[in-house]
Amino acid sequence: MQFYKKEVRRGFLFLLFVFVFTMLIGLSLDWDEFYDPAFIPNARFAFIEFKLLPILTVLIIYILLKKYRNNNDVKSQFFTGSKLVKGFLFLMYPCLIYMSLWSLSIVPIKYMAVHRLGEIWSKEYLLTSIGVCRSDYGNQCIKLNLLDLSTKKNYSIRWYLDTKELQTLKNKKINLVGEKSYFGYLVNEIQW
């Protein structure tokens, strides 16, 4: 009886942890989609997003495969079905791990950039093209593709103000004004 209570308690704590973890991921993705900050990343942000997170994902996959490779319970729970299903799951688990790491690291960085007042920042970019946002963003949204004149890197932000005027400025230089944070630049205003 004592062993049964311990197992029930452990199972409940595991379910509670999974629920809280899933809610954190959902809330962070929801905040990012709802608030949608116009954020231009710097080299630190790019290092975290494109180098550190893939390395952590591969490391987590390696640890999980090494630890649970010969466990029949794990195989029966997660890798059942045809070869097509197994292959699909084998590809999806790394994607889910990367998405979880992304939402728990990148979204808080954007959140800190929005809610911490940084020093004023201004830089000139070339507006290379103007696109349409997805339909769930509404009619007021346009997608601005920008070229950094000093580094020749392309960036893309969504913008909701002065959309009619900005559509006439294709292939012209614009000045972005905002706040500088440790991981990038938050755009508050566009001047032309």
Foldseek 3Di string as FASTA:
>chain_A
DVVVVVVVVVVVVVVVVVVVLVVLLVVLVVCCVPVFFFWDFDPVLCCCLPPVLVVVLVVVVVVCCVVCVPPPVCCVVQPDDDPVSNVVSVVVVSVVSSSSVCSVPVSVVVVCQVPDAADKDKAKWFFAAKAPDPVVVDDQKIKTWTAHPPPRDIDIGIDRPPPVVVRVRHRHMKMFIAHADPTTTTGDDIGD
